[in-house]
Amino acid sequence: MTYPDLPPTRAFGLGMRPPHYPAFLDGDVDVDFVEVISENFMVDGGRPLDVLARVRAHYPVALHGVSMSIGSADGLNPDYLRRLRMLADRIEPIWVSDHLSWTGIEGFNSHDLLPLPYTREALDLVCDNIDRAQEMLGRAMLLENPSSYVEFADAAYGEWDFIAEMSRRTGCYLLLDVNNVFVSAKNHDFDAIQYLDAIPADRVRQVHLAGHSQGRDGLLIDTHDHPVPDGVWALYRAAVERLGDVATMIERDDDIPALEVLLGELDMARAIAAPHLRAAA
């Protein structure tokens, strides 16, 4: 099945988190769009939906999910898809995204983004689940590359090849999390530039930028509780050289600073991307 195209968008946004709700409700924040966590608003009514509807009057909204569990061998939860479709129909988002991961089994939700083995069997399963989700939602989705802390001995694909084939087979678009590429490359000692070169640039519609932490064992952890570090900024520069027009967003989920701090990071993204954006037609 085919769905309406999602054209490349030259835009810069922030994740909308509760400490900053008042500013977004006033409509005075200098962003092109906001991204919200889908599950926080998949309710029948009340204050969350009221806040989102009022923010939507000022800004385009992207819905970003954390528990679709697109890699689940149990299949997708039809009630989850139904509620997400209702939210999307209400809000009319610029796009709907989730993660290349699984989150639980047999009704148990781990509340974590768990890794997939990059095998042929897993690819078939993921593609079937994406097809079902897109059919239920009536639109193409964006899938985000994970941060990775383990590797599987029986992998038949590199992560970038798995993602490229997934997008080709399902028609889904991609959300390129540059911090996740940086984290995984450091943890598994692969070339982050090789990763960028292998991702189908024509399918990327959004970029995430965030910070990370270092665990006691030396692994980098995608915690979203630090500013974007220099290494991630450098990788972002390499990414936009390849991607051209793409929507970019700053993520911060813990130790959330004043809004002005995040807007400063967003201005940094604008400055880095500016030389590489395609000239307006």
C-alpha atoms as a PDB file:
ATOM      1  CA  MET A   1       0.000   0.000   0.000  1.00  0.00           C
ATOM      2  CA  THR A   2       1.196   3.523  -0.759  1.00  0.00           C
ATOM      3  CA  TYR A   3       0.656   6.596   1.393  1.00  0.00           C
ATOM      4  CA  PRO A   4       0.961  10.342   0.835  1.00  0.00           C
ATOM      5  CA  ASP A   5       4.555  11.511   0.489  1.00  0.00           C
ATOM      6  CA  LEU A   6       6.245  13.336   3.349  1.00  0.00           C
ATOM      7  CA  PRO A   7       8.357  15.976   1.595  1.00  0.00           C
ATOM      8  CA  PRO A   8      11.652  17.121   3.158  1.00  0.00           C
ATOM      9  CA  THR A   9      11.092  19.941   5.626  1.00  0.00           C
ATOM     10  CA  ARG A  10      13.589  22.652   6.517  1.00  0.00           C
ATOM     11  CA  ALA A  11      12.562  23.116  10.155  1.00  0.00           C
ATOM     12  CA  PHE A  12      13.986  23.320  13.662  1.00  0.00           C
ATOM     13  CA  GLY A  13      12.062  22.268  16.760  1.00  0.00           C
ATOM     14  CA  LEU A  14      12.121  21.206  20.384  1.00  0.00           C
ATOM     15  CA  GLY A  15      10.627  18.377  22.365  1.00  0.00           C
ATOM     16  CA  MET A  16       7.784  19.842  24.428  1.00  0.00           C
ATOM     17  CA  ARG A  17       8.216  18.937  28.100  1.00  0.00           C
ATOM     18  CA  PRO A  18       6.000  19.997  31.066  1.00  0.00           C
ATOM     19  CA  PRO A  19       8.311  22.683  32.519  1.00  0.00           C
ATOM     20  CA  HIS A  20       7.977  24.606  29.261  1.00  0.00           C
ATOM     21  CA  TYR A  21       4.249  24.137  28.621  1.00  0.00           C
ATOM     22  CA  PRO A  22       3.346  27.756  29.572  1.00  0.00           C
ATOM     23  CA  ALA A  23       5.731  29.236  26.987  1.00  0.00           C
ATOM     24  CA  PHE A  24       4.453  26.954  24.225  1.00  0.00           C
ATOM     25  CA  LEU A  25       0.848  27.707  25.167  1.00  0.00           C
ATOM     26  CA  ASP A  26       1.596  31.404  24.746  1.00  0.00           C
ATOM     27  CA  GLY A  27       2.927  30.696  21.248  1.00  0.00           C
ATOM     28  CA  ASP A  28       6.034  32.830  21.716  1.00  0.00           C
ATOM     29  CA  VAL A  29       8.767  30.174  21.365  1.00  0.00           C
ATOM     30  CA  ASP A  30      10.980  30.563  18.292  1.00  0.00           C
ATOM     31  CA  VAL A  31      10.571  27.063  16.851  1.00  0.00           C
ATOM     32  CA  ASP A  32       9.135  25.700  13.616  1.00  0.00           C
ATOM     33  CA  PHE A  33       7.523  22.676  15.270  1.00  0.00           C
ATOM     34  CA  VAL A  34       7.257  20.789  18.542  1.00  0.00           C
ATOM     35  CA  GLU A  35       7.544  17.075  19.185  1.00  0.00           C
ATOM     36  CA  VAL A  36       5.553  15.331  21.909  1.00  0.00           C
ATOM     37  CA  ILE A  37       5.608  11.820  23.342  1.00  0.00           C
ATOM     38  CA  SER A  38       2.542  10.170  21.813  1.00  0.00           C
ATOM     39  CA  GLU A  39       1.661   8.033  24.818  1.00  0.00           C
ATOM     40  CA  ASN A  40       1.292  11.085  27.069  1.00  0.00           C
ATOM     41  CA  PHE A  41      -1.666  12.232  24.986  1.00  0.00           C
ATOM     42  CA  MET A  42      -3.348   8.973  23.954  1.00  0.00           C
ATOM     43  CA  VAL A  43      -6.279   9.613  26.281  1.00  0.00           C
ATOM     44  CA  ASP A  44      -9.988  10.254  25.764  1.00  0.00           C
ATOM     45  CA  GLY A  45      -9.957  13.803  27.100  1.00  0.00           C
ATOM     46  CA  GLY A  46      -8.889  16.026  29.956  1.00  0.00           C
ATOM     47  CA  ARG A  47      -6.003  18.433  30.479  1.00  0.00           C
ATOM     48  CA  PRO A  48      -3.323  16.658  28.365  1.00  0.00           C
ATOM     49  CA  LEU A  49      -5.410  16.824  25.197  1.00  0.00           C
ATOM     50  CA  ASP A  50      -6.506  20.371  25.977  1.00  0.00           C
ATOM     51  CA  VAL A  51      -2.876  21.471  26.319  1.00  0.00           C
ATOM     52  CA  LEU A  52      -1.893  19.721  23.090  1.00  0.00           C
ATOM     53  CA  ALA A  53      -4.801  21.173  21.129  1.00  0.00           C
ATOM     54  CA  ARG A  54      -3.940  24.690  22.301  1.00  0.00           C
ATOM     55  CA  VAL A  55      -0.268  24.237  21.438  1.00  0.00           C
ATOM     56  CA  ARG A  56      -1.291  22.813  18.059  1.00  0.00           C
ATOM     57  CA  ALA A  57      -3.024  26.110  17.329  1.00  0.00           C
ATOM     58  CA  HIS A  58       0.422  27.761  17.395  1.00  0.00           C
ATOM     59  CA  TYR A  59       2.816  25.106  16.044  1.00  0.00           C
ATOM     60  CA  PRO A  60       2.920  22.023  13.839  1.00  0.00           C
ATOM     61  CA  VAL A  61       3.248  18.913  16.035  1.00  0.00           C
ATOM     62  CA  ALA A  62       5.197  15.693  15.531  1.00  0.00           C
ATOM     63  CA  LEU A  63       4.037  12.603  17.440  1.00  0.00           C
ATOM     64  CA  HIS A  64       6.906  10.463  18.744  1.00  0.00           C
ATOM     65  CA  GLY A  65       6.068   7.127  20.353  1.00  0.00           C
ATOM     66  CA  VAL A  66       8.095   5.026  22.771  1.00  0.00           C
ATOM     67  CA  SER A  67       6.043   1.833  23.123  1.00  0.00           C
ATOM     68  CA  MET A  68       4.660   0.687  19.768  1.00  0.00           C
ATOM     69  CA  SER A  69       7.169  -2.185  20.038  1.00  0.00           C
ATOM     70  CA  ILE A  70       7.644  -2.465  16.284  1.00  0.00           C
ATOM     71  CA  GLY A  71      10.045  -5.376  16.788  1.00  0.00           C
ATOM     72  CA  SER A  72       7.712  -7.442  18.961  1.00  0.00           C
ATOM     73  CA  ALA A  73       7.289 -11.114  18.066  1.00  0.00           C
ATOM     74  CA  ASP A  74       3.853 -10.855  19.709  1.00  0.00           C
ATOM     75  CA  GLY A  75       2.690  -8.467  17.001  1.00  0.00           C
ATOM     76  CA  LEU A  76       1.310  -4.992  17.613  1.00  0.00           C
ATOM     77  CA  ASN A  77      -1.375  -4.096  20.134  1.00  0.00           C
ATOM     78  CA  PRO A  78      -4.524  -3.216  18.170  1.00  0.00           C
ATOM     79  CA  ASP A  79      -5.875  -1.030  20.984  1.00  0.00           C
ATOM     80  CA  TYR A  80      -2.623   0.944  21.023  1.00  0.00           C
ATOM     81  CA  LEU A  81      -2.855   1.499  17.267  1.00  0.00           C
ATOM     82  CA  ARG A  82      -6.502   2.509  17.539  1.00  0.00           C
ATOM     83  CA  ARG A  83      -5.764   5.125  20.204  1.00  0.00           C
ATOM     84  CA  LEU A  84      -2.753   6.441  18.277  1.00  0.00           C
ATOM     85  CA  ARG A  85      -4.911   6.760  15.147  1.00  0.00           C
ATOM     86  CA  MET A  86      -7.509   8.724  17.120  1.00  0.00           C
ATOM     87  CA  LEU A  87      -4.822  11.094  18.406  1.00  0.00           C
ATOM     88  CA  ALA A  88      -3.317  11.543  14.942  1.00  0.00           C
ATOM     89  CA  ASP A  89      -6.727  12.253  13.412  1.00  0.00           C
ATOM     90  CA  ARG A  90      -7.373  14.846  16.120  1.00  0.00           C
ATOM     91  CA  ILE A  91      -3.983  16.595  15.996  1.00  0.00           C
ATOM     92  CA  GLU A  92      -3.082  16.151  12.304  1.00  0.00           C
ATOM     93  CA  PRO A  93       0.652  15.784  13.018  1.00  0.00           C
ATOM     94  CA  ILE A  94       3.379  16.498  10.508  1.00  0.00           C
ATOM     95  CA  TRP A  95       4.420  12.878  11.042  1.00  0.00           C
ATOM     96  CA  VAL A  96       4.198   9.939  13.445  1.00  0.00           C
ATOM     97  CA  SER A  97       7.381   8.209  14.594  1.00  0.00           C
ATOM     98  CA  ASP A  98       8.561   5.425  16.867  1.00  0.00           C
ATOM     99  CA  HIS A  99      11.694   3.378  17.536  1.00  0.00           C
ATOM    100  CA  LEU A 100      13.283   0.350  15.920  1.00  0.00           C
ATOM    101  CA  SER A 101      13.045  -1.720  19.098  1.00  0.00           C
ATOM    102  CA  TRP A 102      10.740  -3.899  21.147  1.00  0.00           C
ATOM    103  CA  THR A 103       9.458  -3.114  24.624  1.00  0.00           C
ATOM    104  CA  GLY A 104       7.954  -6.271  26.091  1.00  0.00           C
ATOM    105  CA  ILE A 105       6.477  -9.729  25.661  1.00  0.00           C
ATOM    106  CA  GLU A 106       3.237 -11.508  26.561  1.00  0.00           C
ATOM    107  CA  GLY A 107       1.654  -8.320  27.916  1.00  0.00           C
ATOM    108  CA  PHE A 108       4.665  -7.291  30.015  1.00  0.00           C
ATOM    109  CA  ASN A 109       6.008  -3.801  29.239  1.00  0.00           C
ATOM    110  CA  SER A 110       9.655  -3.299  30.168  1.00  0.00           C
ATOM    111  CA  HIS A 111       9.373   0.487  29.680  1.00  0.00           C
ATOM    112  CA  ASP A 112      12.679   0.285  27.851  1.00  0.00           C
ATOM    113  CA  LEU A 113      13.712   0.248  24.192  1.00  0.00           C
ATOM    114  CA  LEU A 114      15.132  -3.249  23.808  1.00  0.00           C
ATOM    115  CA  PRO A 115      17.535  -4.254  20.991  1.00  0.00           C
ATOM    116  CA  LEU A 116      16.752  -6.427  18.000  1.00  0.00           C
ATOM    117  CA  PRO A 117      18.979  -9.065  16.415  1.00  0.00           C
ATOM    118  CA  TYR A 118      19.638  -7.951  12.855  1.00  0.00           C
ATOM    119  CA  THR A 119      18.634 -11.274  11.302  1.00  0.00           C
ATOM    120  CA  ARG A 120      16.506 -12.068   8.252  1.00  0.00           C
ATOM    121  CA  GLU A 121      13.758 -13.373  10.520  1.00  0.00           C
ATOM    122  CA  ALA A 122      13.745 -10.146  12.537  1.00  0.00           C
ATOM    123  CA  LEU A 123      13.671  -8.078   9.337  1.00  0.00           C
ATOM    124  CA  ASP A 124      10.607  -9.974   8.072  1.00  0.00           C
ATOM    125  CA  LEU A 125       8.872  -9.522  11.418  1.00  0.00           C
ATOM    126  CA  VAL A 126       9.667  -5.793  11.646  1.00  0.00           C
ATOM    127  CA  CYS A 127       8.496  -5.154   8.091  1.00  0.00           C
ATOM    128  CA  ASP A 128       5.226  -7.000   8.723  1.00  0.00           C
ATOM    129  CA  ASN A 129       4.635  -4.932  11.859  1.00  0.00           C
ATOM    130  CA  ILE A 130       5.432  -1.664  10.073  1.00  0.00           C
ATOM    131  CA  ASP A 131       3.040  -2.579   7.257  1.00  0.00           C
ATOM    132  CA  ARG A 132       0.305  -3.255   9.795  1.00  0.00           C
ATOM    133  CA  ALA A 133       0.959  -0.041  11.720  1.00  0.00           C
ATOM    134  CA  GLN A 134       0.991   2.115   8.586  1.00  0.00           C
ATOM    135  CA  GLU A 135      -2.197   0.505   7.311  1.00  0.00           C
ATOM    136  CA  MET A 136      -3.948   1.119  10.654  1.00  0.00           C
ATOM    137  CA  LEU A 137      -2.691   4.716  10.865  1.00  0.00           C
ATOM    138  CA  GLY A 138      -3.375   5.461   7.212  1.00  0.00           C
ATOM    139  CA  ARG A 139       0.033   7.092   6.787  1.00  0.00           C
ATOM    140  CA  ALA A 140       3.710   6.327   6.419  1.00  0.00           C
ATOM    141  CA  MET A 141       5.676   6.359   9.665  1.00  0.00           C
ATOM    142  CA  LEU A 142       9.171   7.453  10.628  1.00  0.00           C
ATOM    143  CA  LEU A 143      11.317   4.836  12.413  1.00  0.00           C
ATOM    144  CA  GLU A 144      14.241   5.887  14.616  1.00  0.00           C
ATOM    145  CA  ASN A 145      17.577   4.104  14.779  1.00  0.00           C
ATOM    146  CA  PRO A 146      18.346   2.830  18.299  1.00  0.00           C
ATOM    147  CA  SER A 147      21.209   3.399  20.681  1.00  0.00           C
ATOM    148  CA  SER A 148      22.928   0.064  21.187  1.00  0.00           C
ATOM    149  CA  TYR A 149      24.750  -1.586  24.091  1.00  0.00           C
ATOM    150  CA  VAL A 150      24.897  -5.232  22.934  1.00  0.00           C
ATOM    151  CA  GLU A 151      25.535  -7.038  19.662  1.00  0.00           C
ATOM    152  CA  PHE A 152      24.136 -10.388  18.487  1.00  0.00           C
ATOM    153  CA  ALA A 153      26.449 -13.106  17.211  1.00  0.00           C
ATOM    154  CA  ASP A 154      23.998 -14.312  14.544  1.00  0.00           C
ATOM    155  CA  ALA A 155      23.369 -10.906  12.933  1.00  0.00           C
ATOM    156  CA  ALA A 156      23.071 -11.119   9.150  1.00  0.00           C
ATOM    157  CA  TYR A 157      23.061  -7.344   8.620  1.00  0.00           C
ATOM    158  CA  GLY A 158      24.805  -4.299   9.925  1.00  0.00           C
ATOM    159  CA  GLU A 159      22.350  -1.934  11.571  1.00  0.00           C
ATOM    160  CA  TRP A 160      22.541   0.528   8.668  1.00  0.00           C
ATOM    161  CA  ASP A 161      21.861  -2.203   6.095  1.00  0.00           C
ATOM    162  CA  PHE A 162      18.938  -3.527   8.157  1.00  0.00           C
ATOM    163  CA  ILE A 163      17.426  -0.038   8.334  1.00  0.00           C
ATOM    164  CA  ALA A 164      17.932   0.647   4.632  1.00  0.00           C
ATOM    165  CA  GLU A 165      16.234  -2.630   3.651  1.00  0.00           C
ATOM    166  CA  MET A 166      13.427  -2.025   6.169  1.00  0.00           C
ATOM    167  CA  SER A 167      12.687   1.342   4.600  1.00  0.00           C
ATOM    168  CA  ARG A 168      12.866  -0.027   1.060  1.00  0.00           C
ATOM    169  CA  ARG A 169      10.442  -2.873   1.783  1.00  0.00           C
ATOM    170  CA  THR A 170       7.840  -0.923   3.759  1.00  0.00           C
ATOM    171  CA  GLY A 171       8.051   2.590   2.332  1.00  0.00           C
ATOM    172  CA  CYS A 172       8.562   3.974   5.838  1.00  0.00           C
ATOM    173  CA  TYR A 173      10.647   7.083   6.393  1.00  0.00           C
ATOM    174  CA  LEU A 174      13.505   7.458   8.859  1.00  0.00           C
ATOM    175  CA  LEU A 175      14.210   9.511  11.944  1.00  0.00           C
ATOM    176  CA  LEU A 176      17.994   9.727  12.202  1.00  0.00           C
ATOM    177  CA  ASP A 177      19.060  10.102  15.819  1.00  0.00           C
ATOM    178  CA  VAL A 178      22.599  11.437  15.491  1.00  0.00           C
ATOM    179  CA  ASN A 179      23.327  10.970  19.184  1.00  0.00           C
ATOM    180  CA  ASN A 180      22.299   7.310  18.914  1.00  0.00           C
ATOM    181  CA  VAL A 181      24.671   6.804  15.984  1.00  0.00           C
ATOM    182  CA  PHE A 182      27.469   8.432  17.990  1.00  0.00           C
ATOM    183  CA  VAL A 183      26.733   6.325  21.095  1.00  0.00           C
ATOM    184  CA  SER A 184      26.511   3.040  19.195  1.00  0.00           C
ATOM    185  CA  ALA A 185      29.634   3.780  17.149  1.00  0.00           C
ATOM    186  CA  LYS A 186      31.660   4.400  20.302  1.00  0.00           C
ATOM    187  CA  ASN A 187      30.207   1.360  22.096  1.00  0.00           C
ATOM    188  CA  HIS A 188      30.821  -1.053  19.202  1.00  0.00           C
ATOM    189  CA  ASP A 189      33.817   0.596  17.545  1.00  0.00           C
ATOM    190  CA  PHE A 190      32.341   1.151  14.106  1.00  0.00           C
ATOM    191  CA  ASP A 191      32.707   4.135  11.777  1.00  0.00           C
ATOM    192  CA  ALA A 192      29.847   6.588  12.291  1.00  0.00           C
ATOM    193  CA  ILE A 193      30.513   8.159   8.883  1.00  0.00           C
ATOM    194  CA  GLN A 194      30.119   4.751   7.233  1.00  0.00           C
ATOM    195  CA  TYR A 195      26.750   4.528   8.972  1.00  0.00           C
ATOM    196  CA  LEU A 196      25.667   7.924   7.598  1.00  0.00           C
ATOM    197  CA  ASP A 197      26.830   6.984   4.103  1.00  0.00           C
ATOM    198  CA  ALA A 198      24.791   3.753   4.146  1.00  0.00           C
ATOM    199  CA  ILE A 199      21.515   5.268   5.352  1.00  0.00           C
ATOM    200  CA  PRO A 200      19.193   6.162   2.429  1.00  0.00           C
ATOM    201  CA  ALA A 201      19.328   9.966   2.658  1.00  0.00           C
ATOM    202  CA  ASP A 202      16.180  10.384   0.573  1.00  0.00           C
ATOM    203  CA  ARG A 203      14.131   8.635   3.299  1.00  0.00           C
ATOM    204  CA  VAL A 204      15.308  10.717   6.280  1.00  0.00           C
ATOM    205  CA  ARG A 205      12.751  13.307   7.348  1.00  0.00           C
ATOM    206  CA  GLN A 206      13.858  14.212  10.872  1.00  0.00           C
ATOM    207  CA  VAL A 207      17.028  14.360  12.952  1.00  0.00           C
ATOM    208  CA  HIS A 208      17.270  14.101  16.731  1.00  0.00           C
ATOM    209  CA  LEU A 209      20.096  15.719  18.690  1.00  0.00           C
ATOM    210  CA  ALA A 210      20.725  14.992  22.357  1.00  0.00           C
ATOM    211  CA  GLY A 211      23.367  14.391  24.998  1.00  0.00           C
ATOM    212  CA  HIS A 212      24.500  11.186  26.672  1.00  0.00           C
ATOM    213  CA  SER A 213      26.288   9.895  29.752  1.00  0.00           C
ATOM    214  CA  GLN A 214      29.156   7.464  30.331  1.00  0.00           C
ATOM    215  CA  GLY A 215      28.553   4.433  32.515  1.00  0.00           C
ATOM    216  CA  ARG A 216      31.027   2.961  34.945  1.00  0.00           C
ATOM    217  CA  ASP A 217      31.823   0.206  32.466  1.00  0.00           C
ATOM    218  CA  GLY A 218      32.828   2.757  29.837  1.00  0.00           C
ATOM    219  CA  LEU A 219      29.698   2.381  27.695  1.00  0.00           C
ATOM    220  CA  LEU A 220      28.002   5.532  26.498  1.00  0.00           C
ATOM    221  CA  ILE A 221      24.328   5.670  27.540  1.00  0.00           C
ATOM    222  CA  ASP A 222      21.643   7.598  25.655  1.00  0.00           C
ATOM    223  CA  THR A 223      20.265   9.452  28.696  1.00  0.00           C
ATOM    224  CA  HIS A 224      19.076  12.756  27.171  1.00  0.00           C
ATOM    225  CA  ASP A 225      20.166  14.545  30.348  1.00  0.00           C
ATOM    226  CA  HIS A 226      23.154  16.532  29.038  1.00  0.00           C
ATOM    227  CA  PRO A 227      23.702  19.217  26.408  1.00  0.00           C
ATOM    228  CA  VAL A 228      24.592  18.088  22.910  1.00  0.00           C
ATOM    229  CA  PRO A 229      28.371  17.387  23.094  1.00  0.00           C
ATOM    230  CA  ASP A 230      31.017  18.420  20.588  1.00  0.00           C
ATOM    231  CA  GLY A 231      31.309  14.963  19.036  1.00  0.00           C
ATOM    232  CA  VAL A 232      27.581  14.835  18.284  1.00  0.00           C
ATOM    233  CA  TRP A 233      27.668  18.343  16.802  1.00  0.00           C
ATOM    234  CA  ALA A 234      30.503  17.245  14.510  1.00  0.00           C
ATOM    235  CA  LEU A 235      28.531  14.179  13.408  1.00  0.00           C
ATOM    236  CA  TYR A 236      25.460  16.371  12.834  1.00  0.00           C
ATOM    237  CA  ARG A 237      27.521  18.559  10.515  1.00  0.00           C
ATOM    238  CA  ALA A 238      28.496  15.452   8.544  1.00  0.00           C
ATOM    239  CA  ALA A 239      24.846  14.315   8.493  1.00  0.00           C
ATOM    240  CA  VAL A 240      23.396  17.550   7.103  1.00  0.00           C
ATOM    241  CA  GLU A 241      26.126  17.633   4.440  1.00  0.00           C
ATOM    242  CA  ARG A 242      24.566  14.390   3.185  1.00  0.00           C
ATOM    243  CA  LEU A 243      20.894  15.115   3.921  1.00  0.00           C
ATOM    244  CA  GLY A 244      20.347  18.756   2.952  1.00  0.00           C
ATOM    245  CA  ASP A 245      16.861  19.895   3.972  1.00  0.00           C
ATOM    246  CA  VAL A 246      15.767  17.932   7.028  1.00  0.00           C
ATOM    247  CA  ALA A 247      13.852  18.752  10.201  1.00  0.00           C
ATOM    248  CA  THR A 248      16.078  18.900  13.291  1.00  0.00           C
ATOM    249  CA  MET A 249      15.025  18.684  16.926  1.00  0.00           C
ATOM    250  CA  ILE A 250      16.744  18.935  20.310  1.00  0.00           C
ATOM    251  CA  GLU A 251      15.735  16.244  22.844  1.00  0.00           C
ATOM    252  CA  ARG A 252      16.058  16.726  26.602  1.00  0.00           C
ATOM    253  CA  ASP A 253      14.200  14.372  28.953  1.00  0.00           C
ATOM    254  CA  ASP A 254      15.979  14.755  32.294  1.00  0.00           C
ATOM    255  CA  ASP A 255      17.777  17.561  34.124  1.00  0.00           C
ATOM    256  CA  ILE A 256      15.756  19.870  31.884  1.00  0.00           C
ATOM    257  CA  PRO A 257      17.255  23.368  31.729  1.00  0.00           C
ATOM    258  CA  ALA A 258      15.609  26.733  31.119  1.00  0.00           C
ATOM    259  CA  LEU A 259      13.968  27.029  27.723  1.00  0.00           C
ATOM    260  CA  GLU A 260      16.522  29.644  26.677  1.00  0.00           C
ATOM    261  CA  VAL A 261      19.302  27.057  27.036  1.00  0.00           C
ATOM    262  CA  LEU A 262      17.585  24.657  24.654  1.00  0.00           C
ATOM    263  CA  LEU A 263      16.849  27.471  22.220  1.00  0.00           C
ATOM    264  CA  GLY A 264      20.574  28.266  22.274  1.00  0.00           C
ATOM    265  CA  GLU A 265      21.322  24.686  21.243  1.00  0.00           C
ATOM    266  CA  LEU A 266      18.714  24.950  18.504  1.00  0.00           C
ATOM    267  CA  ASP A 267      20.420  28.105  17.218  1.00  0.00           C
ATOM    268  CA  MET A 268      23.661  26.094  17.089  1.00  0.00           C
ATOM    269  CA  ALA A 269      21.892  23.492  14.927  1.00  0.00           C
ATOM    270  CA  ARG A 270      20.603  26.227  12.628  1.00  0.00           C
ATOM    271  CA  ALA A 271      24.092  27.664  12.244  1.00  0.00           C
ATOM    272  CA  ILE A 272      25.660  24.270  11.464  1.00  0.00           C
ATOM    273  CA  ALA A 273      22.930  23.314   8.983  1.00  0.00           C
ATOM    274  CA  ALA A 274      22.679  26.653   7.164  1.00  0.00           C
ATOM    275  CA  PRO A 275      25.527  26.126   4.651  1.00  0.00           C
ATOM    276  CA  HIS A 276      24.148  22.717   3.678  1.00  0.00           C
ATOM    277  CA  LEU A 277      20.467  23.476   3.200  1.00  0.00           C
ATOM    278  CA  ARG A 278      19.318  23.320  -0.383  1.00  0.00           C
ATOM    279  CA  ALA A 279      18.568  26.650  -1.980  1.00  0.00           C
ATOM    280  CA  ALA A 280      14.865  27.471  -1.988  1.00  0.00           C
ATOM    281  CA  ALA A 281      13.226  26.806  -5.338  1.00  0.00           C
END
